[in-house]
PDB file of N, CA and C in Angstrom:
ATOM      1  N   MET A   1       1.083  -1.116  -0.183  1.00  0.00           N
ATOM      2  CA  MET A   1       0.043   0.081   0.156  1.00  0.00           C
ATOM      3  C   MET A   1       1.320   0.916  -0.665  1.00  0.00           C
ATOM      4  N   GLN A   2       0.667   2.268  -1.132  1.00  0.00           N
ATOM      5  CA  GLN A   2       1.610   3.239  -1.585  1.00  0.00           C
ATOM      6  C   GLN A   2       0.940   4.869  -0.529  1.00  0.00           C
ATOM      7  N   HIS A   3       1.105   4.936   0.309  1.00  0.00           N
ATOM      8  CA  HIS A   3       1.199   6.130   0.349  1.00  0.00           C
ATOM      9  C   HIS A   3       1.138   7.539  -0.480  1.00  0.00           C
ATOM     10  N   ALA A   4       0.234   8.778  -0.388  1.00  0.00           N
ATOM     11  CA  ALA A   4       0.037   9.834  -1.040  1.00  0.00           C
ATOM     12  C   ALA A   4       0.983  10.683  -0.203  1.00  0.00           C
ATOM     13  N   THR A   5       2.156  10.745  -1.444  1.00  0.00           N
ATOM     14  CA  THR A   5       3.178  12.271  -0.741  1.00  0.00           C
ATOM     15  C   THR A   5       3.089  13.371  -0.991  1.00  0.00           C
ATOM     16  N   LYS A   6       3.193  14.566  -0.080  1.00  0.00           N
ATOM     17  CA  LYS A   6       2.804  15.959  -0.133  1.00  0.00           C
ATOM     18  C   LYS A   6       3.916  16.888  -1.655  1.00  0.00           C
ATOM     19  N   PRO A   7       3.238  17.472  -2.002  1.00  0.00           N
ATOM     20  CA  PRO A   7       4.723  17.557  -3.099  1.00  0.00           C
ATOM     21  C   PRO A   7       5.433  18.600  -2.123  1.00  0.00           C
ATOM     22  N   ILE A   8       6.699  18.480  -1.976  1.00  0.00           N
ATOM     23  CA  ILE A   8       7.469  19.708  -1.613  1.00  0.00           C
ATOM     24  C   ILE A   8       7.190  21.117  -2.221  1.00  0.00           C
ATOM     25  N   ALA A   9       7.640  21.987  -0.843  1.00  0.00           N
ATOM     26  CA  ALA A   9       7.119  23.509  -1.020  1.00  0.00           C
ATOM     27  C   ALA A   9       8.308  23.804  -1.990  1.00  0.00           C
ATOM     28  N   SER A  10       7.814  24.415  -3.153  1.00  0.00           N
ATOM     29  CA  SER A  10       8.645  25.787  -3.674  1.00  0.00           C
ATOM     30  C   SER A  10       9.159  26.466  -2.544  1.00  0.00           C
ATOM     31  N   ASN A  11       7.770  26.727  -1.647  1.00  0.00           N
ATOM     32  CA  ASN A  11       9.124  28.252  -0.996  1.00  0.00           C
ATOM     33  C   ASN A  11      10.566  27.681  -0.057  1.00  0.00           C
ATOM     34  N   PRO A  12      11.849  27.569   0.117  1.00  0.00           N
ATOM     35  CA  PRO A  12      12.301  27.062   0.581  1.00  0.00           C
ATOM     36  C   PRO A  12      12.298  27.334   2.200  1.00  0.00           C
ATOM     37  N   LEU A  13      11.576  28.053   2.535  1.00  0.00           N
ATOM     38  CA  LEU A  13      11.774  29.452   3.995  1.00  0.00           C
ATOM     39  C   LEU A  13      10.244  28.527   4.340  1.00  0.00           C
ATOM     40  N   ALA A  14       9.801  27.876   3.926  1.00  0.00           N
ATOM     41  CA  ALA A  14       8.582  27.368   4.329  1.00  0.00           C
ATOM     42  C   ALA A  14       8.675  25.942   5.989  1.00  0.00           C
ATOM     43  N   PRO A  15       7.796  26.114   6.389  1.00  0.00           N
ATOM     44  CA  PRO A  15       7.477  25.268   7.519  1.00  0.00           C
ATOM     45  C   PRO A  15       8.561  23.848   7.492  1.00  0.00           C
ATOM     46  N   TYR A  16       9.172  23.514   8.317  1.00  0.00           N
ATOM     47  CA  TYR A  16      10.113  22.278   8.150  1.00  0.00           C
ATOM     48  C   TYR A  16       8.218  21.378   8.460  1.00  0.00           C
ATOM     49  N   THR A  17       8.061  20.406   7.731  1.00  0.00           N
ATOM     50  CA  THR A  17       7.054  19.240   7.849  1.00  0.00           C
ATOM     51  C   THR A  17       8.378  17.609   7.490  1.00  0.00           C
ATOM     52  N   PRO A  18       8.103  16.997   8.874  1.00  0.00           N
ATOM     53  CA  PRO A  18       8.338  15.707   9.246  1.00  0.00           C
ATOM     54  C   PRO A  18       7.465  14.483   7.734  1.00  0.00           C
ATOM     55  N   ALA A  19       7.035  15.186   6.710  1.00  0.00           N
ATOM     56  CA  ALA A  19       6.671  14.271   5.426  1.00  0.00           C
ATOM     57  C   ALA A  19       7.840  14.890   4.094  1.00  0.00           C
ATOM     58  N   LEU A  20       8.855  15.680   4.645  1.00  0.00           N
ATOM     59  CA  LEU A  20       9.316  15.914   3.484  1.00  0.00           C
ATOM     60  C   LEU A  20      10.716  15.953   3.659  1.00  0.00           C
ATOM     61  N   ILE A  21      10.503  14.039   4.538  1.00  0.00           N
ATOM     62  CA  ILE A  21      12.862  13.742   5.611  1.00  0.00           C
ATOM     63  C   ILE A  21      12.563  13.440   4.644  1.00  0.00           C
ATOM     64  N   GLN A  22      13.885  13.217   3.656  1.00  0.00           N
ATOM     65  CA  GLN A  22      14.001  12.048   2.733  1.00  0.00           C
ATOM     66  C   GLN A  22      15.737  10.861   3.670  1.00  0.00           C
ATOM     67  N   PRO A  23      15.883   9.556   3.551  1.00  0.00           N
ATOM     68  CA  PRO A  23      17.226   9.358   3.329  1.00  0.00           C
ATOM     69  C   PRO A  23      18.342  10.085   3.725  1.00  0.00           C
ATOM     70  N   GLY A  24      18.343  10.170   4.892  1.00  0.00           N
ATOM     71  CA  GLY A  24      19.811  10.766   4.791  1.00  0.00           C
ATOM     72  C   GLY A  24      20.478  12.335   6.003  1.00  0.00           C
ATOM     73  N   ASP A  25      18.802  12.487   5.372  1.00  0.00           N
ATOM     74  CA  ASP A  25      18.141  14.576   5.658  1.00  0.00           C
ATOM     75  C   ASP A  25      18.886  14.222   7.677  1.00  0.00           C
ATOM     76  N   LEU A  26      19.059  13.153   8.900  1.00  0.00           N
ATOM     77  CA  LEU A  26      18.757  12.968   9.867  1.00  0.00           C
ATOM     78  C   LEU A  26      19.971  12.400  10.047  1.00  0.00           C
ATOM     79  N   MET A  27      21.051  12.907  10.763  1.00  0.00           N
ATOM     80  CA  MET A  27      22.624  12.738  10.751  1.00  0.00           C
ATOM     81  C   MET A  27      22.629  12.264  12.931  1.00  0.00           C
ATOM     82  N   THR A  28      23.055  10.584  13.277  1.00  0.00           N
ATOM     83  CA  THR A  28      23.133  10.488  14.289  1.00  0.00           C
ATOM     84  C   THR A  28      24.207  11.948  15.366  1.00  0.00           C
ATOM     85  N   PRO A  29      24.585  12.044  16.599  1.00  0.00           N
ATOM     86  CA  PRO A  29      25.051  13.196  17.350  1.00  0.00           C
ATOM     87  C   PRO A  29      26.704  12.213  16.435  1.00  0.00           C
ATOM     88  N   ARG A  30      27.281  11.176  16.613  1.00  0.00           N
ATOM     89  CA  ARG A  30      28.699  10.392  16.576  1.00  0.00           C
ATOM     90  C   ARG A  30      28.944  11.087  14.845  1.00  0.00           C
ATOM     91  N   GLU A  31      27.525  10.831  13.856  1.00  0.00           N
ATOM     92  CA  GLU A  31      28.054  11.236  12.383  1.00  0.00           C
ATOM     93  C   GLU A  31      28.157  12.793  12.756  1.00  0.00           C
ATOM     94  N   VAL A  32      27.508  13.963  13.579  1.00  0.00           N
ATOM     95  CA  VAL A  32      28.152  15.236  13.319  1.00  0.00           C
ATOM     96  C   VAL A  32      29.072  14.800  14.341  1.00  0.00           C
ATOM     97  N   SER A  33      29.747  14.344  15.312  1.00  0.00           N
ATOM     98  CA  SER A  33      30.602  14.570  15.796  1.00  0.00           C
ATOM     99  C   SER A  33      31.770  14.385  14.857  1.00  0.00           C
ATOM    100  N   GLU A  34      32.141  13.571  14.081  1.00  0.00           N
ATOM    101  CA  GLU A  34      32.458  12.938  13.060  1.00  0.00           C
ATOM    102  C   GLU A  34      32.852  14.154  12.159  1.00  0.00           C
ATOM    103  N   THR A  35      32.394  14.827  11.646  1.00  0.00           N
ATOM    104  CA  THR A  35      32.012  16.457  10.996  1.00  0.00           C
ATOM    105  C   THR A  35      32.589  17.399  11.363  1.00  0.00           C
ATOM    106  N   LEU A  36      31.982  17.037  12.702  1.00  0.00           N
ATOM    107  CA  LEU A  36      32.632  18.630  12.534  1.00  0.00           C
ATOM    108  C   LEU A  36      33.470  18.419  13.661  1.00  0.00           C
ATOM    109  N   LYS A  37      34.124  17.730  13.474  1.00  0.00           N
ATOM    110  CA  LYS A  37      35.727  17.107  14.979  1.00  0.00           C
ATOM    111  C   LYS A  37      35.271  17.746  16.068  1.00  0.00           C
ATOM    112  N   VAL A  38      34.012  16.997  16.388  1.00  0.00           N
ATOM    113  CA  VAL A  38      34.434  17.685  18.789  1.00  0.00           C
ATOM    114  C   VAL A  38      33.604  15.854  18.739  1.00  0.00           C
ATOM    115  N   PRO A  39      34.022  16.290  20.116  1.00  0.00           N
ATOM    116  CA  PRO A  39      33.914  14.568  20.559  1.00  0.00           C
ATOM    117  C   PRO A  39      31.732  14.740  21.191  1.00  0.00           C
ATOM    118  N   VAL A  40      31.618  13.686  20.997  1.00  0.00           N
ATOM    119  CA  VAL A  40      30.244  13.095  21.567  1.00  0.00           C
ATOM    120  C   VAL A  40      30.248  13.879  22.322  1.00  0.00           C
ATOM    121  N   LEU A  41      29.965  14.013  23.216  1.00  0.00           N
ATOM    122  CA  LEU A  41      30.237  15.152  25.005  1.00  0.00           C
ATOM    123  C   LEU A  41      30.159  16.660  24.366  1.00  0.00           C
ATOM    124  N   THR A  42      30.411  17.202  23.639  1.00  0.00           N
ATOM    125  CA  THR A  42      30.852  18.330  23.615  1.00  0.00           C
ATOM    126  C   THR A  42      28.941  18.540  22.370  1.00  0.00           C
ATOM    127  N   LEU A  43      29.376  17.834  21.664  1.00  0.00           N
ATOM    128  CA  LEU A  43      27.180  18.084  21.612  1.00  0.00           C
ATOM    129  C   LEU A  43      26.297  17.896  22.677  1.00  0.00           C
ATOM    130  N   ALA A  44      26.699  16.538  23.464  1.00  0.00           N
ATOM    131  CA  ALA A  44      25.680  16.568  24.606  1.00  0.00           C
ATOM    132  C   ALA A  44      25.646  17.649  24.998  1.00  0.00           C
ATOM    133  N   ASN A  45      27.156  19.037  25.083  1.00  0.00           N
ATOM    134  CA  ASN A  45      26.965  20.367  26.064  1.00  0.00           C
ATOM    135  C   ASN A  45      26.541  21.187  26.088  1.00  0.00           C
ATOM    136  N   TRP A  46      26.713  21.038  24.329  1.00  0.00           N
ATOM    137  CA  TRP A  46      25.898  21.970  22.852  1.00  0.00           C
ATOM    138  C   TRP A  46      24.026  22.569  23.676  1.00  0.00           C
ATOM    139  N   ARG A  47      23.952  20.718  23.695  1.00  0.00           N
ATOM    140  CA  ARG A  47      22.012  20.821  23.421  1.00  0.00           C
ATOM    141  C   ARG A  47      21.331  21.307  25.226  1.00  0.00           C
ATOM    142  N   LEU A  48      22.542  20.724  26.443  1.00  0.00           N
ATOM    143  CA  LEU A  48      21.702  21.203  27.507  1.00  0.00           C
ATOM    144  C   LEU A  48      22.298  22.958  27.788  1.00  0.00           C
ATOM    145  N   GLY A  49      22.579  24.084  27.554  1.00  0.00           N
ATOM    146  CA  GLY A  49      22.109  25.251  26.998  1.00  0.00           C
ATOM    147  C   GLY A  49      20.954  25.595  26.536  1.00  0.00           C
ATOM    148  N   ASP A  50      20.913  27.026  27.188  1.00  0.00           N
ATOM    149  CA  ASP A  50      19.667  28.174  27.316  1.00  0.00           C
ATOM    150  C   ASP A  50      18.395  27.764  25.587  1.00  0.00           C
ATOM    151  N   LYS A  51      19.985  28.201  24.574  1.00  0.00           N
ATOM    152  CA  LYS A  51      19.624  28.130  23.247  1.00  0.00           C
ATOM    153  C   LYS A  51      20.725  27.502  22.436  1.00  0.00           C
ATOM    154  N   PRO A  52      20.850  26.386  22.225  1.00  0.00           N
ATOM    155  CA  PRO A  52      21.673  25.593  21.681  1.00  0.00           C
ATOM    156  C   PRO A  52      22.305  26.064  20.625  1.00  0.00           C
ATOM    157  N   LYS A  53      23.038  25.851  20.106  1.00  0.00           N
ATOM    158  CA  LYS A  53      24.223  26.173  19.462  1.00  0.00           C
ATOM    159  C   LYS A  53      24.071  25.457  18.561  1.00  0.00           C
ATOM    160  N   LEU A  54      23.361  24.216  18.429  1.00  0.00           N
ATOM    161  CA  LEU A  54      23.336  24.019  17.148  1.00  0.00           C
ATOM    162  C   LEU A  54      21.718  23.092  16.815  1.00  0.00           C
ATOM    163  N   PRO A  55      21.242  23.159  16.481  1.00  0.00           N
ATOM    164  CA  PRO A  55      19.905  22.868  16.715  1.00  0.00           C
ATOM    165  C   PRO A  55      19.197  21.049  16.424  1.00  0.00           C
ATOM    166  N   PHE A  56      18.464  20.447  16.790  1.00  0.00           N
ATOM    167  CA  PHE A  56      18.550  19.102  17.120  1.00  0.00           C
ATOM    168  C   PHE A  56      17.146  18.740  17.396  1.00  0.00           C
ATOM    169  N   VAL A  57      16.929  17.904  16.741  1.00  0.00           N
ATOM    170  CA  VAL A  57      15.914  17.128  17.675  1.00  0.00           C
ATOM    171  C   VAL A  57      15.712  15.749  17.907  1.00  0.00           C
ATOM    172  N   ARG A  58      14.432  16.156  18.720  1.00  0.00           N
ATOM    173  CA  ARG A  58      14.392  14.150  19.233  1.00  0.00           C
ATOM    174  C   ARG A  58      13.323  12.841  18.734  1.00  0.00           C
ATOM    175  N   VAL A  59      13.391  12.592  18.548  1.00  0.00           N
ATOM    176  CA  VAL A  59      13.014  11.399  17.765  1.00  0.00           C
ATOM    177  C   VAL A  59      12.457  10.021  18.622  1.00  0.00           C
ATOM    178  N   GLY A  60      10.689   9.843  18.802  1.00  0.00           N
ATOM    179  CA  GLY A  60      10.602   8.780  19.913  1.00  0.00           C
ATOM    180  C   GLY A  60      11.026   9.492  20.965  1.00  0.00           C
ATOM    181  N   GLY A  61      11.917  10.814  21.382  1.00  0.00           N
ATOM    182  CA  GLY A  61      11.683  11.307  22.972  1.00  0.00           C
ATOM    183  C   GLY A  61      12.716  10.937  23.856  1.00  0.00           C
ATOM    184  N   ARG A  62      13.661   9.991  22.708  1.00  0.00           N
ATOM    185  CA  ARG A  62      14.953   9.695  23.125  1.00  0.00           C
ATOM    186  C   ARG A  62      15.783  10.723  21.975  1.00  0.00           C
ATOM    187  N   LEU A  63      16.178   9.684  21.462  1.00  0.00           N
ATOM    188  CA  LEU A  63      16.970   9.829  20.123  1.00  0.00           C
ATOM    189  C   LEU A  63      17.583  11.206  20.057  1.00  0.00           C
ATOM    190  N   VAL A  64      18.705  11.213  19.418  1.00  0.00           N
ATOM    191  CA  VAL A  64      18.751  12.846  19.204  1.00  0.00           C
ATOM    192  C   VAL A  64      19.489  12.501  18.113  1.00  0.00           C
ATOM    193  N   ARG A  65      18.638  13.528  16.714  1.00  0.00           N
ATOM    194  CA  ARG A  65      19.393  13.481  15.746  1.00  0.00           C
ATOM    195  C   ARG A  65      19.215  14.972  14.940  1.00  0.00           C
ATOM    196  N   TYR A  66      20.217  15.554  14.273  1.00  0.00           N
ATOM    197  CA  TYR A  66      20.658  16.574  13.593  1.00  0.00           C
ATOM    198  C   TYR A  66      19.685  16.274  12.371  1.00  0.00           C
ATOM    199  N   ARG A  67      19.279  18.012  11.394  1.00  0.00           N
ATOM    200  CA  ARG A  67      19.156  17.760  10.428  1.00  0.00           C
ATOM    201  C   ARG A  67      20.981  18.189   9.039  1.00  0.00           C
ATOM    202  N   ARG A  68      20.438  17.352   8.682  1.00  0.00           N
ATOM    203  CA  ARG A  68      21.270  17.700   7.756  1.00  0.00           C
ATOM    204  C   ARG A  68      22.095  18.837   7.033  1.00  0.00           C
ATOM    205  N   ALA A  69      21.066  19.618   6.676  1.00  0.00           N
ATOM    206  CA  ALA A  69      21.023  21.274   6.236  1.00  0.00           C
ATOM    207  C   ALA A  69      21.124  22.639   7.868  1.00  0.00           C
ATOM    208  N   ASP A  70      21.360  22.027   9.138  1.00  0.00           N
ATOM    209  CA  ASP A  70      21.313  22.889  10.109  1.00  0.00           C
ATOM    210  C   ASP A  70      23.116  22.547  10.303  1.00  0.00           C
ATOM    211  N   VAL A  71      23.214  21.643  10.324  1.00  0.00           N
ATOM    212  CA  VAL A  71      24.656  21.514  10.302  1.00  0.00           C
ATOM    213  C   VAL A  71      25.676  22.240   9.562  1.00  0.00           C
ATOM    214  N   ALA A  72      25.036  21.639   8.173  1.00  0.00           N
ATOM    215  CA  ALA A  72      25.803  22.509   7.053  1.00  0.00           C
ATOM    216  C   ALA A  72      25.479  24.244   7.499  1.00  0.00           C
ATOM    217  N   ALA A  73      24.684  25.035   7.645  1.00  0.00           N
ATOM    218  CA  ALA A  73      24.015  26.279   7.756  1.00  0.00           C
ATOM    219  C   ALA A  73      25.031  26.710   9.285  1.00  0.00           C
ATOM    220  N   PHE A  74      25.443  25.265   9.991  1.00  0.00           N
ATOM    221  CA  PHE A  74      26.263  25.684  11.517  1.00  0.00           C
ATOM    222  C   PHE A  74      27.555  26.336  11.238  1.00  0.00           C
ATOM    223  N   VAL A  75      27.983  25.004   9.862  1.00  0.00           N
ATOM    224  CA  VAL A  75      29.048  25.593   9.713  1.00  0.00           C
ATOM    225  C   VAL A  75      29.641  26.429   8.918  1.00  0.00           C
ATOM    226  N   ALA A  76      27.917  27.056   7.865  1.00  0.00           N
ATOM    227  CA  ALA A  76      28.571  28.629   6.907  1.00  0.00           C
ATOM    228  C   ALA A  76      28.847  29.530   7.532  1.00  0.00           C
ATOM    229  N   GLU A  77      28.387  29.643   9.383  1.00  0.00           N
ATOM    230  CA  GLU A  77      28.287  31.140  10.038  1.00  0.00           C
ATOM    231  C   GLU A  77      29.131  30.947  10.809  1.00  0.00           C
ATOM    232  N   GLY A  78      30.392  29.056  10.499  1.00  0.00           N
ATOM    233  CA  GLY A  78      31.308  29.907  11.791  1.00  0.00           C
ATOM    234  C   GLY A  78      31.507  28.661  12.274  1.00  0.00           C
ATOM    235  N   GLY A  79      29.703  28.069  12.671  1.00  0.00           N
ATOM    236  CA  GLY A  79      30.250  27.876  14.137  1.00  0.00           C
ATOM    237  C   GLY A  79      29.840  28.073  15.666  1.00  0.00           C
ATOM    238  N   VAL A  80      30.531  28.156  16.481  1.00  0.00           N
ATOM    239  CA  VAL A  80      30.499  27.919  17.431  1.00  0.00           C
ATOM    240  C   VAL A  80      32.192  29.261  17.909  1.00  0.00           C
ATOM    241  N   SER A  81      30.898  29.851  18.339  1.00  0.00           N
ATOM    242  CA  SER A  81      31.892  31.715  18.580  1.00  0.00           C
ATOM    243  C   SER A  81      32.243  32.103  19.984  1.00  0.00           C
TER     244      SER A  81
END
């Protein structure tokens, strides 16, 4: 049984919707750690702040994942200042 898919919004600033998630869009903390060359513990510490330095999402209430686009934007903006 195939599910109907929603068309991808033409506006890149359209609200993020889970229906648009593609395989590979979400990264594990380990993958982000390897990409940014920072320890996984550093990512955990960033999540604990009042304003996380790198946006993240919780999947199922426990699993932490990062959107690939957010990681790319974080790097483009210069990371942590």
